[in-house]
Amino acid sequence: MTALGDFLTDSENMAEFGTRIRSRRLARNLTIGTLAEQTGLNRKTIMDLESGRDVRLSTVIKVLRAMHLLGILNAALPDALPGSEALSARGQPRVRAYRTAAGKQKENATTR
């Protein structure tokens, strides 16, 4: 299933994420200063996040945790059991990806 975010650039996605974080903060009647105190972050860092600037993942996690929204991050990458194609012959989960035949052909074409 394709989401709207798949059609946006990275900077557009970050700006949209920042807008949503700001909206959630305001809905909870939190000031930037209060959120900064709760997270241990600088006010400027929170303003950077809300304006769509590039911030560390740890910053996003701290903000989501303080606003009781950390579950949405976990929902983005659910802990699901691997499908049969992801298991090796020994029944172990795959630990690395392998190049496909199309990827090998593309790689060979670029090295010529």
Protein backbone atom coordinates (compact mmCIF):
# COMPACT_ATOMS: atom_id res chain seq x y z
CA MET A 1 0.00 0.00 0.00
CA THR A 2 1.39 3.38 -0.98
CA ALA A 3 1.16 6.33 1.39
CA LEU A 4 1.13 10.01 0.52
CA GLY A 5 4.57 10.40 2.12
CA ASP A 6 6.03 8.09 -0.54
CA PHE A 7 5.45 10.83 -3.10
CA LEU A 8 7.03 13.64 -1.07
CA THR A 9 10.69 14.57 -0.91
CA ASP A 10 12.63 14.01 2.30
CA SER A 11 12.45 17.70 3.20
CA GLU A 12 8.70 17.77 2.50
CA ASN A 13 8.22 14.72 4.74
CA MET A 14 10.28 16.32 7.53
CA ALA A 15 8.28 19.54 7.25
CA GLU A 16 5.00 17.60 7.40
CA PHE A 17 6.23 15.60 10.40
CA GLY A 18 7.26 18.81 12.16
CA THR A 19 3.87 20.36 11.49
CA ARG A 20 2.14 17.32 12.96
CA ILE A 21 4.37 17.32 16.04
CA ARG A 22 3.62 21.03 16.58
CA SER A 23 -0.10 20.39 16.18
CA ARG A 24 0.00 17.57 18.75
CA ARG A 25 2.01 19.74 21.15
CA LEU A 26 -0.51 22.58 20.89
CA ALA A 27 -3.44 20.18 21.26
CA ARG A 28 -1.89 19.09 24.57
CA ASN A 29 -1.47 22.77 25.53
CA LEU A 30 2.30 22.40 25.90
CA THR A 31 4.66 25.29 25.33
CA ILE A 32 8.01 24.72 23.67
CA GLY A 33 9.63 25.58 27.00
CA THR A 34 7.61 22.99 28.89
CA LEU A 35 8.37 20.32 26.30
CA ALA A 36 12.06 21.27 26.44
CA GLU A 37 12.04 20.79 30.23
CA GLN A 38 10.27 17.44 29.97
CA THR A 39 12.66 16.11 27.33
CA GLY A 40 15.90 17.69 28.48
CA LEU A 41 16.30 19.23 25.03
CA ASN A 42 17.06 22.78 24.07
CA ARG A 43 14.11 24.96 22.97
CA LYS A 44 15.87 25.58 19.63
CA THR A 45 16.10 21.84 19.00
CA ILE A 46 12.35 21.47 19.40
CA MET A 47 11.77 24.49 17.15
CA ASP A 48 14.09 22.89 14.57
CA LEU A 49 12.08 19.65 14.71
CA GLU A 50 8.78 21.48 14.32
CA SER A 51 10.06 23.51 11.38
CA GLY A 52 11.17 20.40 9.51
CA ARG A 53 14.90 20.72 9.97
CA ASP A 54 17.06 17.62 10.21
CA VAL A 55 17.34 16.42 13.82
CA ARG A 56 18.64 13.27 15.47
CA LEU A 57 16.39 10.25 15.84
CA SER A 58 17.04 10.37 19.59
CA THR A 59 15.49 13.86 19.61
CA VAL A 60 12.35 12.57 17.89
CA ILE A 61 12.12 9.67 20.37
CA LYS A 62 12.45 12.01 23.37
CA VAL A 63 9.72 14.30 22.05
CA LEU A 64 7.38 11.43 21.18
CA ARG A 65 7.95 9.85 24.59
CA ALA A 66 7.23 13.11 26.43
CA MET A 67 3.96 13.53 24.49
CA HIS A 68 3.01 9.85 25.01
CA LEU A 69 3.22 9.19 21.26
CA LEU A 70 6.11 6.73 21.14
CA GLY A 71 3.71 3.99 20.06
CA ILE A 72 3.33 5.59 16.63
CA LEU A 73 7.03 5.11 16.00
CA ASN A 74 6.74 1.45 16.95
CA ALA A 75 3.66 1.11 14.72
CA ALA A 76 5.70 2.28 11.74
CA LEU A 77 7.89 -0.82 12.02
CA PRO A 78 5.76 -3.56 13.59
CA ASP A 79 7.51 -6.52 15.13
CA ALA A 80 6.10 -9.18 12.81
CA LEU A 81 7.29 -12.71 12.32
CA PRO A 82 9.30 -13.12 9.13
CA GLY A 83 7.64 -14.77 6.16
CA SER A 84 8.86 -18.09 4.81
CA GLU A 85 10.99 -16.32 2.18
CA ALA A 86 12.91 -14.57 4.96
CA LEU A 87 13.97 -17.82 6.62
CA SER A 88 17.09 -19.66 5.58
CA ALA A 89 17.28 -23.41 5.00
CA ARG A 90 18.20 -23.87 8.67
CA GLY A 91 15.10 -22.04 9.88
CA GLN A 92 17.05 -18.98 11.00
CA PRO A 93 15.88 -15.42 10.23
CA ARG A 94 17.83 -13.69 7.50
CA VAL A 95 20.48 -11.34 8.81
CA ARG A 96 21.51 -9.76 5.53
CA ALA A 97 20.03 -8.90 2.16
CA TYR A 98 21.27 -10.39 -1.07
CA ARG A 99 21.52 -8.78 -4.47
CA THR A 100 18.85 -9.78 -6.94
CA ALA A 101 19.62 -10.78 -10.51
CA ALA A 102 18.31 -7.39 -11.71
CA GLY A 103 20.57 -5.61 -9.23
CA LYS A 104 23.61 -7.61 -10.41
CA GLN A 105 22.87 -6.76 -14.06
CA LYS A 106 22.53 -3.08 -13.17
CA GLU A 107 25.79 -3.18 -11.20
CA ASN A 108 27.61 -4.90 -14.08
CA ALA A 109 26.29 -2.33 -16.57
CA THR A 110 27.60 0.59 -14.49
CA THR A 111 31.09 -0.93 -14.08
CA ARG A 112 31.62 -1.40 -17.82
